[in-house]
């Protein structure tokens, strides 16, 4: 998994009824775009994220 600053991370709910978490990647700490990523989520909190199989990276500009 690779990302750049400005990309968006989507973390799917692990259980039925759990909401998807969406956040913007503020910092890429791994070499060559690899995890971990510092992410600011839509509710305002920031967290260091090591994406798992329930994550999707939306590249900047791909939704335009």
PDB file of N, CA and C in Angstrom:
ATOM      1  N   UNK A   1       0.844  -1.162   0.000  1.00  0.00           N
ATOM      2  CA  UNK A   1       0.000   0.000   0.000  1.00  0.00           C
ATOM      3  C   UNK A   1       0.896   1.233   0.000  1.00  0.00           C
ATOM      4  N   UNK A   2       0.579   2.186  -0.869  1.00  0.00           N
ATOM      5  CA  UNK A   2       1.354   3.415  -1.002  1.00  0.00           C
ATOM      6  C   UNK A   2       0.412   4.611  -0.997  1.00  0.00           C
ATOM      7  N   UNK A   3       0.879   5.733  -0.442  1.00  0.00           N
ATOM      8  CA  UNK A   3       0.072   6.949  -0.389  1.00  0.00           C
ATOM      9  C   UNK A   3       0.990   8.163  -0.402  1.00  0.00           C
ATOM     10  N   UNK A   4       0.388   9.317  -0.653  1.00  0.00           N
ATOM     11  CA  UNK A   4       1.091  10.593  -0.568  1.00  0.00           C
ATOM     12  C   UNK A   4       0.261  11.537   0.286  1.00  0.00           C
ATOM     13  N   UNK A   5       0.905  12.593   0.767  1.00  0.00           N
ATOM     14  CA  UNK A   5       0.192  13.596   1.557  1.00  0.00           C
ATOM     15  C   UNK A   5      -0.952  14.153   0.717  1.00  0.00           C
ATOM     16  N   UNK A   6      -2.127  14.254   1.320  1.00  0.00           N
ATOM     17  CA  UNK A   6      -3.306  14.745   0.613  1.00  0.00           C
ATOM     18  C   UNK A   6      -4.240  13.648   0.165  1.00  0.00           C
ATOM     19  N   UNK A   7      -3.743  12.406   0.104  1.00  0.00           N
ATOM     20  CA  UNK A   7      -4.620  11.289  -0.222  1.00  0.00           C
ATOM     21  C   UNK A   7      -5.598  11.090   0.924  1.00  0.00           C
ATOM     22  N   UNK A   8      -6.613  10.313   0.693  1.00  0.00           N
ATOM     23  CA  UNK A   8      -7.646  10.059   1.678  1.00  0.00           C
ATOM     24  C   UNK A   8      -7.672   8.572   2.013  1.00  0.00           C
ATOM     25  N   UNK A   9      -7.829   8.271   3.283  1.00  0.00           N
ATOM     26  CA  UNK A   9      -7.915   6.880   3.724  1.00  0.00           C
ATOM     27  C   UNK A   9      -9.354   6.586   4.149  1.00  0.00           C
ATOM     28  N   UNK A  10      -9.852   5.423   3.730  1.00  0.00           N
ATOM     29  CA  UNK A  10     -11.185   4.945   4.106  1.00  0.00           C
ATOM     30  C   UNK A  10     -10.981   3.653   4.890  1.00  0.00           C
ATOM     31  N   UNK A  11     -11.486   3.619   6.112  1.00  0.00           N
ATOM     32  CA  UNK A  11     -11.383   2.414   6.930  1.00  0.00           C
ATOM     33  C   UNK A  11     -12.793   1.887   7.116  1.00  0.00           C
ATOM     34  N   UNK A  12     -13.045   0.730   6.536  1.00  0.00           N
ATOM     35  CA  UNK A  12     -14.372   0.120   6.588  1.00  0.00           C
ATOM     36  C   UNK A  12     -14.664  -0.369   7.993  1.00  0.00           C
ATOM     37  N   UNK A  13     -15.957  -0.377   8.368  1.00  0.00           N
ATOM     38  CA  UNK A  13     -16.362  -0.922   9.649  1.00  0.00           C
ATOM     39  C   UNK A  13     -16.115  -2.426   9.681  1.00  0.00           C
ATOM     40  N   UNK A  14     -15.611  -2.923  10.800  1.00  0.00           N
ATOM     41  CA  UNK A  14     -15.295  -4.347  10.902  1.00  0.00           C
ATOM     42  C   UNK A  14     -16.508  -5.206  11.224  1.00  0.00           C
ATOM     43  N   UNK A  15     -17.525  -4.567  11.768  1.00  0.00           N
ATOM     44  CA  UNK A  15     -18.744  -5.292  12.127  1.00  0.00           C
ATOM     45  C   UNK A  15     -19.929  -4.656  11.425  1.00  0.00           C
ATOM     46  N   UNK A  16     -20.995  -5.417  11.270  1.00  0.00           N
ATOM     47  CA  UNK A  16     -22.206  -4.909  10.650  1.00  0.00           C
ATOM     48  C   UNK A  16     -22.712  -3.718  11.468  1.00  0.00           C
ATOM     49  N   UNK A  17     -23.029  -2.633  10.793  1.00  0.00           N
ATOM     50  CA  UNK A  17     -23.549  -1.446  11.453  1.00  0.00           C
ATOM     51  C   UNK A  17     -22.494  -0.431  11.842  1.00  0.00           C
ATOM     52  N   UNK A  18     -21.213  -0.797  11.792  1.00  0.00           N
ATOM     53  CA  UNK A  18     -20.157   0.172  12.112  1.00  0.00           C
ATOM     54  C   UNK A  18     -19.951   1.107  10.926  1.00  0.00           C
ATOM     55  N   UNK A  19     -19.743   2.382  11.231  1.00  0.00           N
ATOM     56  CA  UNK A  19     -19.525   3.368  10.181  1.00  0.00           C
ATOM     57  C   UNK A  19     -18.124   3.278   9.610  1.00  0.00           C
ATOM     58  N   UNK A  20     -17.998   3.722   8.378  1.00  0.00           N
ATOM     59  CA  UNK A  20     -16.689   3.859   7.751  1.00  0.00           C
ATOM     60  C   UNK A  20     -16.021   5.112   8.307  1.00  0.00           C
ATOM     61  N   UNK A  21     -14.724   5.052   8.580  1.00  0.00           N
ATOM     62  CA  UNK A  21     -13.955   6.213   9.021  1.00  0.00           C
ATOM     63  C   UNK A  21     -13.183   6.737   7.823  1.00  0.00           C
ATOM     64  N   UNK A  22     -13.231   8.048   7.633  1.00  0.00           N
ATOM     65  CA  UNK A  22     -12.568   8.687   6.499  1.00  0.00           C
ATOM     66  C   UNK A  22     -11.663   9.787   7.024  1.00  0.00           C
ATOM     67  N   UNK A  23     -10.449   9.846   6.495  1.00  0.00           N
ATOM     68  CA  UNK A  23      -9.524  10.887   6.925  1.00  0.00           C
ATOM     69  C   UNK A  23      -8.534  11.259   5.849  1.00  0.00           C
ATOM     70  N   UNK A  24      -7.917  12.416   6.028  1.00  0.00           N
ATOM     71  CA  UNK A  24      -6.907  12.915   5.100  1.00  0.00           C
ATOM     72  C   UNK A  24      -5.518  12.589   5.625  1.00  0.00           C
ATOM     73  N   UNK A  25      -4.648  12.134   4.741  1.00  0.00           N
ATOM     74  CA  UNK A  25      -3.273  11.811   5.123  1.00  0.00           C
ATOM     75  C   UNK A  25      -2.480  13.105   5.219  1.00  0.00           C
ATOM     76  N   UNK A  26      -1.963  13.368   6.425  1.00  0.00           N
ATOM     77  CA  UNK A  26      -1.195  14.580   6.691  1.00  0.00           C
ATOM     78  C   UNK A  26       0.300  14.362   6.531  1.00  0.00           C
ATOM     79  N   UNK A  27       0.728  13.126   6.801  1.00  0.00           N
ATOM     80  CA  UNK A  27       2.158  12.819   6.787  1.00  0.00           C
ATOM     81  C   UNK A  27       2.348  11.342   6.462  1.00  0.00           C
ATOM     82  N   UNK A  28       3.319  11.061   5.609  1.00  0.00           N
ATOM     83  CA  UNK A  28       3.698   9.688   5.274  1.00  0.00           C
ATOM     84  C   UNK A  28       5.026   9.423   5.965  1.00  0.00           C
ATOM     85  N   UNK A  29       5.050   8.465   6.871  1.00  0.00           N
ATOM     86  CA  UNK A  29       6.262   8.228   7.659  1.00  0.00           C
ATOM     87  C   UNK A  29       7.101   7.061   7.149  1.00  0.00           C
ATOM     88  N   UNK A  30       6.558   6.240   6.295  1.00  0.00           N
ATOM     89  CA  UNK A  30       7.305   5.122   5.745  1.00  0.00           C
ATOM     90  C   UNK A  30       8.086   5.537   4.509  1.00  0.00           C
ATOM     91  N   UNK A  31       9.073   4.731   4.128  1.00  0.00           N
ATOM     92  CA  UNK A  31       9.851   5.052   2.926  1.00  0.00           C
ATOM     93  C   UNK A  31       9.029   4.863   1.652  1.00  0.00           C
ATOM     94  N   UNK A  32       9.180   5.755   0.723  1.00  0.00           N
ATOM     95  CA  UNK A  32       8.555   5.653  -0.601  1.00  0.00           C
ATOM     96  C   UNK A  32       7.039   5.493  -0.544  1.00  0.00           C
ATOM     97  N   UNK A  33       6.390   6.220   0.371  1.00  0.00           N
ATOM     98  CA  UNK A  33       4.927   6.224   0.433  1.00  0.00           C
ATOM     99  C   UNK A  33       4.308   5.084   1.208  1.00  0.00           C
ATOM    100  N   UNK A  34       5.114   4.322   1.899  1.00  0.00           N
ATOM    101  CA  UNK A  34       4.600   3.184   2.659  1.00  0.00           C
ATOM    102  C   UNK A  34       4.131   3.634   4.043  1.00  0.00           C
ATOM    103  N   UNK A  35       3.287   2.829   4.701  1.00  0.00           N
ATOM    104  CA  UNK A  35       2.816   3.157   6.050  1.00  0.00           C
ATOM    105  C   UNK A  35       3.958   3.183   7.046  1.00  0.00           C
ATOM    106  N   UNK A  36       3.728   3.828   8.184  1.00  0.00           N
ATOM    107  CA  UNK A  36       2.466   4.361   8.711  1.00  0.00           C
ATOM    108  C   UNK A  36       2.173   5.765   8.185  1.00  0.00           C
ATOM    109  N   UNK A  37       0.898   6.168   8.371  1.00  0.00           N
ATOM    110  CA  UNK A  37       0.423   7.469   7.930  1.00  0.00           C
ATOM    111  C   UNK A  37      -0.178   8.222   9.113  1.00  0.00           C
ATOM    112  N   UNK A  38       0.118   9.520   9.203  1.00  0.00           N
ATOM    113  CA  UNK A  38      -0.563  10.373  10.170  1.00  0.00           C
ATOM    114  C   UNK A  38      -1.812  10.887   9.469  1.00  0.00           C
ATOM    115  N   UNK A  39      -2.967  10.617  10.071  1.00  0.00           N
ATOM    116  CA  UNK A  39      -4.251  10.894   9.429  1.00  0.00           C
ATOM    117  C   UNK A  39      -5.110  11.788  10.324  1.00  0.00           C
ATOM    118  N   UNK A  40      -5.762  12.775   9.716  1.00  0.00           N
ATOM    119  CA  UNK A  40      -6.781  13.569  10.411  1.00  0.00           C
ATOM    120  C   UNK A  40      -8.137  13.090   9.915  1.00  0.00           C
ATOM    121  N   UNK A  41      -8.922  12.555  10.836  1.00  0.00           N
ATOM    122  CA  UNK A  41     -10.234  12.014  10.491  1.00  0.00           C
ATOM    123  C   UNK A  41     -11.291  13.109  10.441  1.00  0.00           C
ATOM    124  N   UNK A  42     -12.431  12.784   9.859  1.00  0.00           N
ATOM    125  CA  UNK A  42     -13.492  13.770   9.650  1.00  0.00           C
ATOM    126  C   UNK A  42     -14.031  14.347  10.956  1.00  0.00           C
ATOM    127  N   UNK A  43     -13.856  13.637  12.080  1.00  0.00           N
ATOM    128  CA  UNK A  43     -14.318  14.176  13.368  1.00  0.00           C
ATOM    129  C   UNK A  43     -13.264  15.063  14.032  1.00  0.00           C
ATOM    130  N   UNK A  44     -12.102  15.243  13.364  1.00  0.00           N
ATOM    131  CA  UNK A  44     -11.077  16.147  13.851  1.00  0.00           C
ATOM    132  C   UNK A  44      -9.912  15.502  14.576  1.00  0.00           C
ATOM    133  N   UNK A  45     -10.051  14.240  15.005  1.00  0.00           N
ATOM    134  CA  UNK A  45      -8.917  13.638  15.724  1.00  0.00           C
ATOM    135  C   UNK A  45      -7.865  13.152  14.740  1.00  0.00           C
ATOM    136  N   UNK A  46      -6.621  13.129  15.228  1.00  0.00           N
ATOM    137  CA  UNK A  46      -5.491  12.679  14.413  1.00  0.00           C
ATOM    138  C   UNK A  46      -4.920  11.412  15.018  1.00  0.00           C
ATOM    139  N   UNK A  47      -4.467  10.512  14.150  1.00  0.00           N
ATOM    140  CA  UNK A  47      -3.951   9.226  14.618  1.00  0.00           C
ATOM    141  C   UNK A  47      -2.923   8.692  13.629  1.00  0.00           C
ATOM    142  N   UNK A  48      -1.986   7.922  14.161  1.00  0.00           N
ATOM    143  CA  UNK A  48      -1.025   7.221  13.328  1.00  0.00           C
ATOM    144  C   UNK A  48      -1.684   5.919  12.879  1.00  0.00           C
ATOM    145  N   UNK A  49      -1.751   5.699  11.571  1.00  0.00           N
ATOM    146  CA  UNK A  49      -2.500   4.570  11.012  1.00  0.00           C
ATOM    147  C   UNK A  49      -1.560   3.620  10.284  1.00  0.00           C
ATOM    148  N   UNK A  50      -1.680   2.362  10.626  1.00  0.00           N
ATOM    149  CA  UNK A  50      -1.038   1.257   9.903  1.00  0.00           C
ATOM    150  C   UNK A  50      -2.172   0.527   9.186  1.00  0.00           C
ATOM    151  N   UNK A  51      -2.428   0.821   7.914  1.00  0.00           N
ATOM    152  CA  UNK A  51      -3.599   0.284   7.223  1.00  0.00           C
ATOM    153  C   UNK A  51      -3.610  -1.247   7.176  1.00  0.00           C
ATOM    154  N   UNK A  52      -4.783  -1.785   7.383  1.00  0.00           N
ATOM    155  CA  UNK A  52      -4.995  -3.226   7.294  1.00  0.00           C
ATOM    156  C   UNK A  52      -5.830  -3.552   6.079  1.00  0.00           C
ATOM    157  N   UNK A  53      -6.330  -4.776   6.008  1.00  0.00           N
ATOM    158  CA  UNK A  53      -7.109  -5.205   4.842  1.00  0.00           C
ATOM    159  C   UNK A  53      -8.458  -4.496   4.714  1.00  0.00           C
ATOM    160  N   UNK A  54      -8.885  -3.819   5.777  1.00  0.00           N
ATOM    161  CA  UNK A  54     -10.154  -3.097   5.740  1.00  0.00           C
ATOM    162  C   UNK A  54      -9.987  -1.643   5.297  1.00  0.00           C
ATOM    163  N   UNK A  55      -8.799  -1.267   4.813  1.00  0.00           N
ATOM    164  CA  UNK A  55      -8.506   0.110   4.403  1.00  0.00           C
ATOM    165  C   UNK A  55      -8.388   0.247   2.901  1.00  0.00           C
ATOM    166  N   UNK A  56      -8.749   1.428   2.433  1.00  0.00           N
ATOM    167  CA  UNK A  56      -8.630   1.788   1.033  1.00  0.00           C
ATOM    168  C   UNK A  56      -8.012   3.174   0.963  1.00  0.00           C
ATOM    169  N   UNK A  57      -7.032   3.366   0.095  1.00  0.00           N
ATOM    170  CA  UNK A  57      -6.427   4.680  -0.121  1.00  0.00           C
ATOM    171  C   UNK A  57      -7.005   5.267  -1.397  1.00  0.00           C
ATOM    172  N   UNK A  58      -7.603   6.445  -1.267  1.00  0.00           N
ATOM    173  CA  UNK A  58      -8.127   7.185  -2.416  1.00  0.00           C
ATOM    174  C   UNK A  58      -7.105   8.247  -2.759  1.00  0.00           C
ATOM    175  N   UNK A  59      -6.509   8.121  -3.926  1.00  0.00           N
ATOM    176  CA  UNK A  59      -5.473   9.062  -4.318  1.00  0.00           C
ATOM    177  C   UNK A  59      -6.053  10.440  -4.587  1.00  0.00           C
ATOM    178  N   UNK A  60      -5.266  11.437  -4.255  1.00  0.00           N
ATOM    179  CA  UNK A  60      -5.665  12.834  -4.440  1.00  0.00           C
ATOM    180  C   UNK A  60      -6.047  13.059  -5.897  1.00  0.00           C
ATOM    181  N   UNK A  61      -7.193  13.658  -6.107  1.00  0.00           N
ATOM    182  CA  UNK A  61      -7.638  13.977  -7.453  1.00  0.00           C
ATOM    183  C   UNK A  61      -8.364  12.843  -8.166  1.00  0.00           C
ATOM    184  N   UNK A  62      -8.448  11.660  -7.575  1.00  0.00           N
ATOM    185  CA  UNK A  62      -9.100  10.540  -8.271  1.00  0.00           C
ATOM    186  C   UNK A  62     -10.612  10.645  -8.274  1.00  0.00           C
ATOM    187  N   UNK A  63     -11.196  11.474  -7.386  1.00  0.00           N
ATOM    188  CA  UNK A  63     -12.646  11.603  -7.344  1.00  0.00           C
ATOM    189  C   UNK A  63     -13.133  12.762  -8.185  1.00  0.00           C
ATOM    190  N   UNK A  64     -12.229  13.522  -8.800  1.00  0.00           N
ATOM    191  CA  UNK A  64     -12.606  14.692  -9.613  1.00  0.00           C
ATOM    192  C   UNK A  64     -13.106  14.276 -10.972  1.00  0.00           C
TER     193      UNK A  64
END
